[in-house]
Amino acid sequence: MKHISFIEKGILIALVLLSFIFIFLIPPFQKPDEVTHFYKAISVAQGRLVCSHDPDGNPKNTIPAYLQDLPNVLLAKNIITDPYTKFPSRSLINLALSKTPDTRQVSEISSCALPPFFYIPTGLALAIPVAFSANPVFIFYLGRLVNALICAIVFIFSWRTIPKKFRLLLLLFYSLPAVLHQMSSYSKDAFHYALGMYACAYLLSIWESPATLKKKSIYIFIGLLVLFVLTRPQYVAFLFLVLFPFIFTKASFRKNIWLCVGTVSITFFSVFVLTKIGVYTSSVKLIDILPVQNYIFPDLQLLFIKRYPWEFIMALWSSLDQYGYTYYLKEMIGVLGSNDTVLPSMVYYIYILAIAFITWHIAGLVKHVKALPILILSVICGVSIFGIFLAMYLYSTPVGANSIAYVQGRYFTMLIPFCVIIGAWFIAKLNYKLIPLAFICITVITISSIYTRYYN
C-alpha cells in the first residue's frame, strides 16, 4: 500500500507541474474563448465588475488599447480558423521587448456577459501591472499563472479531503487534458472544475465517514456547491446535494432546514438576477463571429418549446446522435487549442479504458450506499445535462432549429466523477444484470441510426 501511495503522490506532483507547463506550452488565446475571458480579467483589474451602457442601452466596456489589440497582434483568430497558421513567436518576443504601449481606453463588449466573481483573484493580481501599463506579455502570462496556482492549491485541498480509497478518481479527473488545459487559462471553467472536484471530494468523505463529519465541513461543502453553481448555472441542480450531509449523518434536518432552503433560494435568486441583467445569457448575441446571431431570440425560442415540446426533444436527440462520440465525448476528455486540436484516437481509447477500470475499481467502495442518494445524484446529473442543452437551445440556436448549436463537450466534463460514482454503484448492485441492459441500449441505438440514415 505504501508503494501505491508513493506512486499516487508522484502522479499528483506530475499533474500539478504539467498544469504549469500548459501555461507556456499553449500559445496565448489558444484556449476556448480565452480572448473574452482575458478582457474580463483586465476589466476587473481596472475596477469594473460589470459593463456600463451607452444612451441607446447597448453594453460597453473599456480596456487599454494595447491589451485589447493583443489577440490581433498574436494572430489569435487566424490560428483558430486556419490549421496551417503557426504561432508568431517572433511577434511575442518583440512585444516582450516593447516599451511604448497604447494606453488609450477603447471599447469591447464580448466580456459583458461573464460573471465578475471568478475574475476577481486574477483581477487583483493584474491590478498594479495594468495600472502602470506593464508589458502585455508579462500581464498575460501572470494572469494564467495566478489561475493555475489557485487551481493547484484547490487540487491539493481536494487530495487531502477525499478518502484515500477514492484518490484514483481524483487523479483521473485532474489528468484529463480538458482539465489541465483549462486550469492554466483565464476561463472561469478553471474554477468550475477545481471547485466541482473539491465538492465531490467532500461528498465522498461524507459517504465514507458520516459519523466523524463536523459542522464546519458541512458549511464548507455547501459553500463549495454555491460557488460551483455560480461558475456555470446549468449545474444549478447540484445545489440539492446540500441534503446529503443530513441523509448520511444523524444531523437533524429540521434544525438545518433554513440553512438548506436559504442556500438554494439565495443561489437561485442570484442566478435569476444576473441572468436578467445579461450575465450568463447574452454572450452569443455579442460575439460577431457567429453566423446565426441574427436568428437567435430566446423569448421566441421559449415560446416555440412550449408550443412544440416534441420538436425540442427531437433536436436534443439529434444533437446527441450526431455529435455524441465524434464531438461531445472527445471534448469531455480533451480537445486542445481553442476546441480545434483533436488528440490522437488512441488517447481517447486509453481514457475510456481508464474510466471503465476506475469505475469497476470503486464499485466495491460504494456498494454500501443506499439507493436514495444514488437516485438523487442520477437525477441531478440528468437535469444538469438537460439544462446545458436547454440553455444552448435558447441562447445560441436559431428559433425552431432541428439540432442544438454550439454545445461543447467540455461543458459536461465536470459530470465525469459523479457519473463514475453512479456507474460504480450500479455495477456493485446489478453486476451481470447490466449485460442485457447494455444489449438493449446498443440495439436501440443501432435501430435509431438505421432509421436516421434511411427514413428521417
Protein backbone atom coordinates (compact mmCIF):
# COMPACT_ATOMS: atom_id res chain seq x y z
CA MET A 1 0.00 0.00 0.00
CA LYS A 2 2.88 2.37 0.75
CA HIS A 3 4.22 1.70 -2.74
CA ILE A 4 0.84 2.61 -4.27
CA SER A 5 0.67 5.76 -2.14
CA PHE A 6 4.13 6.78 -3.37
CA ILE A 7 3.05 6.33 -6.99
CA GLU A 8 -0.13 8.34 -6.38
CA LYS A 9 1.82 11.22 -4.87
CA GLY A 10 4.23 11.12 -7.80
CA ILE A 11 1.33 11.36 -10.25
CA LEU A 12 -0.15 14.20 -8.18
CA ILE A 13 3.07 16.23 -8.37
CA ALA A 14 3.44 15.45 -12.09
CA LEU A 15 -0.09 16.70 -12.82
CA VAL A 16 0.49 19.96 -10.93
CA LEU A 17 3.74 20.50 -12.85
CA LEU A 18 2.04 19.64 -16.13
CA SER A 19 -0.68 22.23 -15.49
CA PHE A 20 2.05 24.85 -15.11
CA ILE A 21 3.78 23.66 -18.28
CA PHE A 22 0.50 24.22 -20.13
CA ILE A 23 0.72 27.91 -19.20
CA PHE A 24 3.56 28.38 -21.64
CA LEU A 25 3.14 25.42 -23.97
CA ILE A 26 -0.26 26.57 -25.28
CA PRO A 27 0.15 29.91 -27.12
CA PRO A 28 -1.78 32.98 -25.92
CA PHE A 29 -5.51 32.97 -26.73
CA GLN A 30 -5.45 29.38 -27.98
CA LYS A 31 -7.76 28.12 -25.26
CA PRO A 32 -11.57 28.18 -25.51
CA ASP A 33 -12.90 31.77 -25.55
CA GLU A 34 -9.71 32.98 -23.89
CA VAL A 35 -9.88 36.39 -25.57
CA THR A 36 -13.22 37.11 -23.88
CA HIS A 37 -12.02 35.83 -20.50
CA PHE A 38 -8.81 37.87 -20.80
CA TYR A 39 -10.81 41.04 -21.48
CA LYS A 40 -12.97 40.36 -18.43
CA ALA A 41 -9.93 39.90 -16.19
CA ILE A 42 -8.46 43.19 -17.44
CA SER A 43 -11.79 44.93 -16.85
CA VAL A 44 -11.94 43.62 -13.28
CA ALA A 45 -8.31 44.65 -12.77
CA GLN A 46 -9.41 48.22 -13.58
CA GLY A 47 -12.20 48.02 -11.03
CA ARG A 48 -15.07 47.45 -13.48
CA LEU A 49 -17.04 44.41 -12.37
CA VAL A 50 -19.95 44.94 -14.75
CA CYS A 51 -20.29 46.74 -18.07
CA SER A 52 -21.82 50.17 -18.42
CA HIS A 53 -24.37 51.09 -21.10
CA ASP A 54 -24.47 53.80 -23.73
CA PRO A 55 -27.52 56.09 -24.18
CA ASP A 56 -29.08 53.51 -26.52
CA GLY A 57 -28.86 50.81 -23.86
CA ASN A 58 -26.05 48.85 -25.53
CA PRO A 59 -23.40 47.37 -23.21
CA LYS A 60 -19.88 48.70 -23.35
CA ASN A 61 -16.64 48.03 -21.56
CA THR A 62 -13.37 49.91 -21.89
CA ILE A 63 -9.87 48.49 -21.54
CA PRO A 64 -6.41 49.72 -22.63
CA ALA A 65 -5.98 49.67 -26.41
CA TYR A 66 -2.68 47.75 -26.30
CA LEU A 67 -4.32 44.93 -24.34
CA GLN A 68 -7.46 44.94 -26.47
CA ASP A 69 -5.31 44.56 -29.58
CA LEU A 70 -3.06 41.83 -28.14
CA PRO A 71 -5.07 38.93 -29.69
CA ASN A 72 -4.82 40.56 -33.14
CA VAL A 73 -1.07 41.08 -32.84
CA LEU A 74 -0.62 37.41 -31.94
CA LEU A 75 -2.91 36.24 -34.80
CA ALA A 76 -5.32 34.55 -32.38
CA LYS A 77 -8.27 34.37 -34.77
CA ASN A 78 -6.11 33.31 -37.74
CA ILE A 79 -4.60 30.40 -35.82
CA ILE A 80 -8.02 29.24 -34.62
CA THR A 81 -9.65 29.32 -38.06
CA ASP A 82 -6.69 28.11 -40.15
CA PRO A 83 -4.93 24.89 -39.05
CA TYR A 84 -1.89 25.77 -41.16
CA THR A 85 -1.22 29.11 -39.42
CA LYS A 86 1.52 28.81 -36.82
CA PHE A 87 2.05 30.90 -33.73
CA PRO A 88 4.20 34.03 -34.42
CA SER A 89 6.89 33.51 -31.79
CA ARG A 90 8.85 36.48 -33.13
CA SER A 91 5.87 38.79 -32.52
CA LEU A 92 5.69 37.59 -28.92
CA ILE A 93 9.40 38.34 -28.41
CA ASN A 94 9.01 41.79 -29.96
CA LEU A 95 6.06 42.51 -27.69
CA ALA A 96 8.04 41.39 -24.66
CA LEU A 97 10.72 43.93 -25.58
CA SER A 98 8.35 46.80 -26.45
CA LYS A 99 8.17 49.83 -24.13
CA THR A 100 5.60 52.26 -25.56
CA PRO A 101 2.11 50.74 -25.21
CA ASP A 102 -1.00 52.50 -26.46
CA THR A 103 -2.85 53.21 -23.21
CA ARG A 104 -5.98 54.77 -24.73
CA GLN A 105 -9.20 53.29 -23.37
CA VAL A 106 -11.14 51.51 -26.13
CA SER A 107 -14.45 49.67 -26.02
CA GLU A 108 -15.14 45.95 -26.21
CA ILE A 109 -18.39 44.15 -25.41
CA SER A 110 -17.66 40.44 -25.65
CA SER A 111 -16.89 40.07 -21.92
CA CYS A 112 -20.07 41.78 -20.69
CA ALA A 113 -21.96 38.51 -20.24
CA LEU A 114 -19.38 36.94 -17.93
CA PRO A 115 -19.96 36.88 -14.14
CA PRO A 116 -17.28 39.00 -12.44
CA PHE A 117 -16.78 36.94 -9.26
CA PHE A 118 -14.38 34.39 -10.67
CA TYR A 119 -12.15 37.02 -12.27
CA ILE A 120 -11.54 38.89 -9.02
CA PRO A 121 -8.44 36.84 -7.97
CA THR A 122 -6.87 37.33 -11.40
CA GLY A 123 -8.01 40.96 -11.48
CA LEU A 124 -6.38 41.67 -8.12
CA ALA A 125 -3.11 40.14 -9.30
CA LEU A 126 -3.20 42.20 -12.51
CA ALA A 127 -4.41 45.46 -10.95
CA ILE A 128 -0.98 47.03 -10.38
CA PRO A 129 0.59 45.87 -13.69
CA VAL A 130 -2.43 47.15 -15.64
CA ALA A 131 -2.48 50.45 -13.71
CA PHE A 132 1.17 51.04 -14.59
CA SER A 133 0.75 49.87 -18.21
CA ALA A 134 3.10 46.93 -17.78
CA ASN A 135 4.28 44.84 -20.70
CA PRO A 136 1.34 42.93 -22.29
CA VAL A 137 3.25 39.63 -22.40
CA PHE A 138 4.01 39.89 -18.69
CA ILE A 139 0.36 40.70 -17.91
CA PHE A 140 -0.96 37.82 -20.00
CA TYR A 141 1.23 35.10 -18.51
CA LEU A 142 0.84 36.46 -14.97
CA GLY A 143 -2.92 36.01 -15.26
CA ARG A 144 -2.57 32.43 -16.46
CA LEU A 145 -0.09 31.71 -13.67
CA VAL A 146 -2.43 33.05 -10.98
CA ASN A 147 -5.32 30.86 -12.13
CA ALA A 148 -3.09 27.78 -12.36
CA LEU A 149 -1.73 28.43 -8.87
CA ILE A 150 -5.21 28.81 -7.36
CA CYS A 151 -6.40 25.61 -9.06
CA ALA A 152 -3.30 23.73 -7.89
CA ILE A 153 -4.00 24.81 -4.30
CA VAL A 154 -7.63 23.66 -4.56
CA PHE A 155 -6.33 20.43 -6.10
CA ILE A 156 -4.11 19.84 -3.04
CA PHE A 157 -7.03 20.52 -0.67
CA SER A 158 -9.16 18.06 -2.65
CA TRP A 159 -6.38 15.48 -2.29
CA ARG A 160 -6.33 15.95 1.48
CA THR A 161 -10.14 15.81 1.75
CA ILE A 162 -11.04 12.85 -0.44
CA PRO A 163 -10.82 9.41 1.22
CA LYS A 164 -7.67 7.56 0.20
CA LYS A 165 -9.72 4.79 -1.43
CA PHE A 166 -11.06 7.29 -3.98
CA ARG A 167 -7.85 9.11 -4.85
CA LEU A 168 -7.57 7.33 -8.19
CA LEU A 169 -10.82 9.07 -9.19
CA LEU A 170 -9.31 12.43 -8.28
CA LEU A 171 -6.14 11.70 -10.25
CA LEU A 172 -8.18 10.54 -13.24
CA PHE A 173 -10.19 13.76 -13.31
CA TYR A 174 -7.19 16.07 -12.99
CA SER A 175 -5.27 14.11 -15.60
CA LEU A 176 -7.92 14.80 -18.26
CA PRO A 177 -6.45 17.02 -20.99
CA ALA A 178 -9.59 19.18 -20.82
CA VAL A 179 -8.96 19.92 -17.14
CA LEU A 180 -5.21 20.52 -17.47
CA HIS A 181 -5.93 22.73 -20.48
CA GLN A 182 -8.41 24.93 -18.63
CA MET A 183 -6.66 25.05 -15.25
CA SER A 184 -3.97 27.28 -16.74
CA SER A 185 -6.32 29.56 -18.68
CA TYR A 186 -8.21 32.77 -17.93
CA SER A 187 -11.52 30.90 -18.13
CA LYS A 188 -13.90 30.57 -15.19
CA ASP A 189 -14.04 26.89 -16.18
CA ALA A 190 -10.76 26.54 -14.28
CA PHE A 191 -12.66 27.30 -11.06
CA HIS A 192 -15.68 25.29 -12.22
CA TYR A 193 -13.52 22.16 -12.42
CA ALA A 194 -11.49 22.86 -9.28
CA LEU A 195 -14.47 23.73 -7.06
CA GLY A 196 -16.59 20.91 -8.50
CA MET A 197 -13.98 18.26 -7.77
CA TYR A 198 -13.40 19.71 -4.29
CA ALA A 199 -17.14 19.41 -3.63
CA CYS A 200 -17.04 15.84 -4.95
CA ALA A 201 -14.18 15.09 -2.54
CA TYR A 202 -16.29 16.35 0.37
CA LEU A 203 -19.26 14.31 -0.83
CA LEU A 204 -17.18 11.12 -0.82
CA SER A 205 -15.77 11.93 2.63
CA ILE A 206 -19.37 12.29 3.90
CA TRP A 207 -20.23 8.89 2.43
CA GLU A 208 -17.13 7.26 3.85
CA SER A 209 -17.11 8.72 7.38
CA PRO A 210 -20.51 10.21 8.26
CA ALA A 211 -20.01 9.67 11.98
CA THR A 212 -16.97 11.96 12.14
CA LEU A 213 -18.44 14.74 9.98
CA LYS A 214 -18.12 18.15 11.60
CA LYS A 215 -20.48 21.09 11.17
CA LYS A 216 -17.60 23.13 9.71
CA SER A 217 -17.27 20.56 6.92
CA ILE A 218 -20.99 20.89 6.12
CA TYR A 219 -20.63 24.65 5.77
CA ILE A 220 -17.57 24.28 3.53
CA PHE A 221 -19.39 21.70 1.39
CA ILE A 222 -22.41 23.99 0.95
CA GLY A 223 -20.16 26.97 0.15
CA LEU A 224 -18.33 24.95 -2.49
CA LEU A 225 -21.64 23.94 -4.08
CA VAL A 226 -22.79 27.57 -4.30
CA LEU A 227 -19.55 28.75 -5.93
CA PHE A 228 -19.55 25.72 -8.23
CA VAL A 229 -23.06 26.53 -9.46
CA LEU A 230 -22.30 30.22 -9.98
CA THR A 231 -19.47 29.33 -12.38
CA ARG A 232 -21.94 27.51 -14.64
CA PRO A 233 -25.63 27.94 -13.69
CA GLN A 234 -26.71 24.95 -15.81
CA TYR A 235 -25.42 22.91 -12.86
CA VAL A 236 -27.91 24.54 -10.50
CA ALA A 237 -29.48 21.15 -9.70
CA PHE A 238 -26.28 20.30 -7.79
CA LEU A 239 -27.47 22.66 -5.06
CA PHE A 240 -29.74 19.85 -3.89
CA LEU A 241 -26.63 17.98 -2.75
CA VAL A 242 -26.97 20.16 0.38
CA LEU A 243 -29.37 17.43 1.53
CA PHE A 244 -26.66 14.76 1.56
CA PRO A 245 -24.98 15.62 4.89
CA PHE A 246 -28.34 15.09 6.57
CA ILE A 247 -29.13 11.89 4.66
CA PHE A 248 -25.86 10.25 5.71
CA THR A 249 -25.48 11.63 9.23
CA LYS A 250 -27.60 11.91 12.33
CA ALA A 251 -27.72 15.69 11.99
CA SER A 252 -31.29 16.87 12.29
CA PHE A 253 -32.69 18.14 9.01
CA ARG A 254 -35.36 20.12 10.84
CA LYS A 255 -32.74 22.12 12.72
CA ASN A 256 -30.88 22.88 9.49
CA ILE A 257 -33.81 23.26 7.11
CA TRP A 258 -33.38 27.02 6.90
CA LEU A 259 -29.73 26.57 6.01
CA CYS A 260 -30.69 24.35 3.07
CA VAL A 261 -33.67 26.43 1.95
CA GLY A 262 -31.70 29.66 2.33
CA THR A 263 -28.73 28.34 0.33
CA VAL A 264 -30.88 27.12 -2.55
CA SER A 265 -33.11 30.23 -2.57
CA ILE A 266 -30.28 32.77 -2.46
CA THR A 267 -28.34 31.00 -5.19
CA PHE A 268 -31.40 30.67 -7.41
CA PHE A 269 -32.21 34.34 -6.85
CA SER A 270 -28.62 35.38 -7.65
CA VAL A 271 -28.62 33.40 -10.89
CA PHE A 272 -32.04 34.86 -11.80
CA VAL A 273 -30.92 38.46 -11.21
CA LEU A 274 -27.64 38.01 -13.06
CA THR A 275 -29.48 36.43 -15.97
CA LYS A 276 -31.94 39.31 -16.10
CA ILE A 277 -29.14 41.89 -16.40
CA GLY A 278 -27.48 39.96 -19.22
CA VAL A 279 -24.83 37.98 -17.32
CA TYR A 280 -24.64 34.33 -18.46
CA THR A 281 -27.13 34.76 -21.31
CA SER A 282 -26.10 37.43 -23.80
CA SER A 283 -22.59 36.35 -24.79
CA VAL A 284 -23.64 34.63 -28.02
CA LYS A 285 -25.57 37.71 -29.15
CA LEU A 286 -22.47 39.78 -28.54
CA ILE A 287 -19.99 37.64 -30.49
CA ASP A 288 -19.82 38.88 -34.05
CA ILE A 289 -18.20 35.74 -35.47
CA LEU A 290 -21.30 33.59 -35.09
CA PRO A 291 -23.18 33.47 -38.41
CA VAL A 292 -26.51 32.69 -36.73
CA GLN A 293 -26.60 35.54 -34.21
CA ASN A 294 -29.31 37.46 -36.08
CA TYR A 295 -31.64 34.45 -35.78
CA ILE A 296 -31.29 33.96 -32.02
CA PHE A 297 -34.30 35.12 -29.99
CA PRO A 298 -34.56 33.41 -26.57
CA ASP A 299 -38.12 34.60 -25.91
CA LEU A 300 -39.38 33.23 -29.24
CA GLN A 301 -37.39 30.03 -28.76
CA LEU A 302 -39.03 29.51 -25.35
CA LEU A 303 -42.44 30.06 -26.92
CA PHE A 304 -41.54 27.52 -29.61
CA ILE A 305 -40.58 24.95 -26.96
CA LYS A 306 -43.85 25.47 -25.09
CA ARG A 307 -45.87 25.05 -28.28
CA TYR A 308 -43.81 22.23 -29.82
CA PRO A 309 -42.04 20.43 -26.94
CA TRP A 310 -41.57 17.28 -29.03
CA GLU A 311 -39.55 19.27 -31.60
CA PHE A 312 -37.14 20.31 -28.86
CA ILE A 313 -36.81 16.70 -27.66
CA MET A 314 -36.04 15.61 -31.22
CA ALA A 315 -33.46 18.42 -31.59
CA LEU A 316 -31.81 17.20 -28.37
CA TRP A 317 -31.79 13.60 -29.59
CA SER A 318 -30.46 14.66 -32.99
CA SER A 319 -27.56 16.52 -31.35
CA LEU A 320 -26.66 13.55 -29.17
CA ASP A 321 -26.96 11.18 -32.12
CA GLN A 322 -24.82 13.31 -34.46
CA TYR A 323 -22.14 14.56 -32.09
CA GLY A 324 -22.23 12.20 -29.08
CA TYR A 325 -18.95 10.39 -29.72
CA THR A 326 -17.34 12.40 -32.51
CA TYR A 327 -17.55 15.65 -30.59
CA TYR A 328 -19.05 15.65 -27.07
CA LEU A 329 -17.23 12.60 -25.70
CA LYS A 330 -13.87 13.59 -27.15
CA GLU A 331 -14.15 17.14 -25.88
CA MET A 332 -15.21 15.93 -22.43
CA ILE A 333 -11.86 14.18 -22.26
CA GLY A 334 -9.98 16.95 -24.01
CA VAL A 335 -9.66 18.82 -27.28
CA LEU A 336 -6.78 21.26 -27.06
CA GLY A 337 -6.32 24.68 -28.57
CA SER A 338 -9.49 26.69 -28.99
CA ASN A 339 -11.52 23.48 -29.49
CA ASP A 340 -9.63 22.84 -32.73
CA THR A 341 -6.85 20.37 -31.85
CA VAL A 342 -8.22 16.84 -31.56
CA LEU A 343 -5.86 14.39 -29.89
CA PRO A 344 -4.94 11.01 -31.46
CA SER A 345 -7.75 8.45 -31.17
CA MET A 346 -5.56 6.22 -29.01
CA VAL A 347 -5.58 8.88 -26.27
CA TYR A 348 -9.37 8.77 -26.06
CA TYR A 349 -9.42 4.97 -26.04
CA ILE A 350 -6.93 4.92 -23.16
CA TYR A 351 -9.00 7.38 -21.13
CA ILE A 352 -12.22 5.45 -21.79
CA LEU A 353 -10.48 2.29 -20.55
CA ALA A 354 -9.14 4.18 -17.52
CA ILE A 355 -12.62 5.48 -16.68
CA ALA A 356 -14.04 1.94 -17.02
CA PHE A 357 -11.26 0.49 -14.81
CA ILE A 358 -11.71 3.08 -12.05
CA THR A 359 -15.50 2.66 -12.17
CA TRP A 360 -15.02 -1.08 -11.64
CA HIS A 361 -12.34 -0.44 -9.00
CA ILE A 362 -14.52 1.71 -6.75
CA ALA A 363 -17.68 -0.40 -7.21
CA GLY A 364 -16.90 -2.26 -4.01
CA LEU A 365 -16.32 1.02 -2.16
CA VAL A 366 -19.79 2.46 -2.80
CA LYS A 367 -21.95 -0.68 -2.63
CA HIS A 368 -22.88 0.15 0.99
CA VAL A 369 -24.55 3.38 -0.12
CA LYS A 370 -28.34 3.18 -0.19
CA ALA A 371 -30.35 3.67 -3.36
CA LEU A 372 -31.87 7.07 -2.45
CA PRO A 373 -28.63 9.12 -2.62
CA ILE A 374 -27.65 7.47 -5.90
CA LEU A 375 -31.11 8.14 -7.32
CA ILE A 376 -30.87 11.80 -6.28
CA LEU A 377 -27.39 12.12 -7.76
CA SER A 378 -28.52 10.47 -11.01
CA VAL A 379 -31.44 12.88 -11.33
CA ILE A 380 -29.14 15.82 -10.62
CA CYS A 381 -26.72 14.76 -13.37
CA GLY A 382 -29.59 14.17 -15.80
CA VAL A 383 -31.15 17.55 -15.07
CA SER A 384 -27.75 19.23 -15.50
CA ILE A 385 -27.27 17.66 -18.94
CA PHE A 386 -30.77 18.71 -19.92
CA GLY A 387 -30.11 22.22 -18.56
CA ILE A 388 -26.98 22.63 -20.65
CA PHE A 389 -28.79 21.66 -23.85
CA LEU A 390 -31.81 23.80 -22.97
CA ALA A 391 -29.64 26.88 -22.28
CA MET A 392 -27.77 26.49 -25.55
CA TYR A 393 -31.05 25.93 -27.44
CA LEU A 394 -32.40 29.19 -26.01
CA TYR A 395 -29.33 31.40 -26.30
CA SER A 396 -27.22 30.05 -29.15
CA THR A 397 -29.59 28.27 -31.55
CA PRO A 398 -31.84 29.78 -34.24
CA VAL A 399 -35.53 29.56 -33.44
CA GLY A 400 -37.01 26.18 -34.35
CA ALA A 401 -33.71 24.59 -35.41
CA ASN A 402 -33.66 20.78 -35.58
CA SER A 403 -30.40 20.48 -33.64
CA ILE A 404 -28.78 22.41 -30.80
CA ALA A 405 -25.88 24.69 -31.76
CA TYR A 406 -22.55 25.42 -30.07
CA VAL A 407 -22.80 22.80 -27.32
CA GLN A 408 -19.26 21.91 -26.28
CA GLY A 409 -18.26 18.65 -24.68
CA ARG A 410 -16.20 20.44 -22.02
CA TYR A 411 -19.49 21.67 -20.50
CA PHE A 412 -20.06 18.07 -19.36
CA THR A 413 -16.53 17.29 -18.14
CA MET A 414 -17.42 18.03 -14.51
CA LEU A 415 -20.04 15.28 -14.62
CA ILE A 416 -17.42 12.56 -15.16
CA PRO A 417 -16.50 11.88 -11.48
CA PHE A 418 -20.16 11.89 -10.43
CA CYS A 419 -21.13 9.56 -13.29
CA VAL A 420 -18.27 7.21 -12.33
CA ILE A 421 -19.70 7.04 -8.80
CA ILE A 422 -23.19 6.30 -10.13
CA GLY A 423 -21.86 3.70 -12.57
CA ALA A 424 -19.79 2.04 -9.85
CA TRP A 425 -22.84 1.70 -7.61
CA PHE A 426 -24.91 0.11 -10.37
CA ILE A 427 -22.10 -2.32 -11.15
CA ALA A 428 -21.88 -3.29 -7.48
CA LYS A 429 -25.62 -3.80 -7.17
CA LEU A 430 -26.59 -5.25 -10.55
CA ASN A 431 -23.36 -6.88 -11.74
CA TYR A 432 -24.25 -9.35 -14.52
CA LYS A 433 -27.77 -7.96 -14.78
CA LEU A 434 -26.22 -5.00 -16.61
CA ILE A 435 -25.37 -7.19 -19.62
CA PRO A 436 -28.93 -7.46 -21.01
CA LEU A 437 -29.46 -3.76 -20.28
CA ALA A 438 -26.35 -2.90 -22.28
CA PHE A 439 -27.59 -5.14 -25.10
CA ILE A 440 -30.94 -3.32 -25.16
CA CYS A 441 -29.22 0.08 -25.28
CA ILE A 442 -26.96 -0.98 -28.15
CA THR A 443 -29.95 -2.38 -30.05
CA VAL A 444 -31.96 0.84 -29.64
CA ILE A 445 -29.01 2.98 -30.77
CA THR A 446 -28.39 0.74 -33.80
CA ILE A 447 -32.04 0.86 -34.90
CA SER A 448 -32.09 4.63 -34.37
CA SER A 449 -29.01 5.06 -36.56
CA ILE A 450 -30.57 2.96 -39.35
CA TYR A 451 -33.83 4.91 -39.14
CA THR A 452 -32.00 8.26 -39.23
CA ARG A 453 -29.93 7.17 -42.23
CA TYR A 454 -32.75 5.91 -44.44
CA TYR A 455 -36.05 7.40 -43.26
CA ASN A 456 -35.61 10.59 -41.20
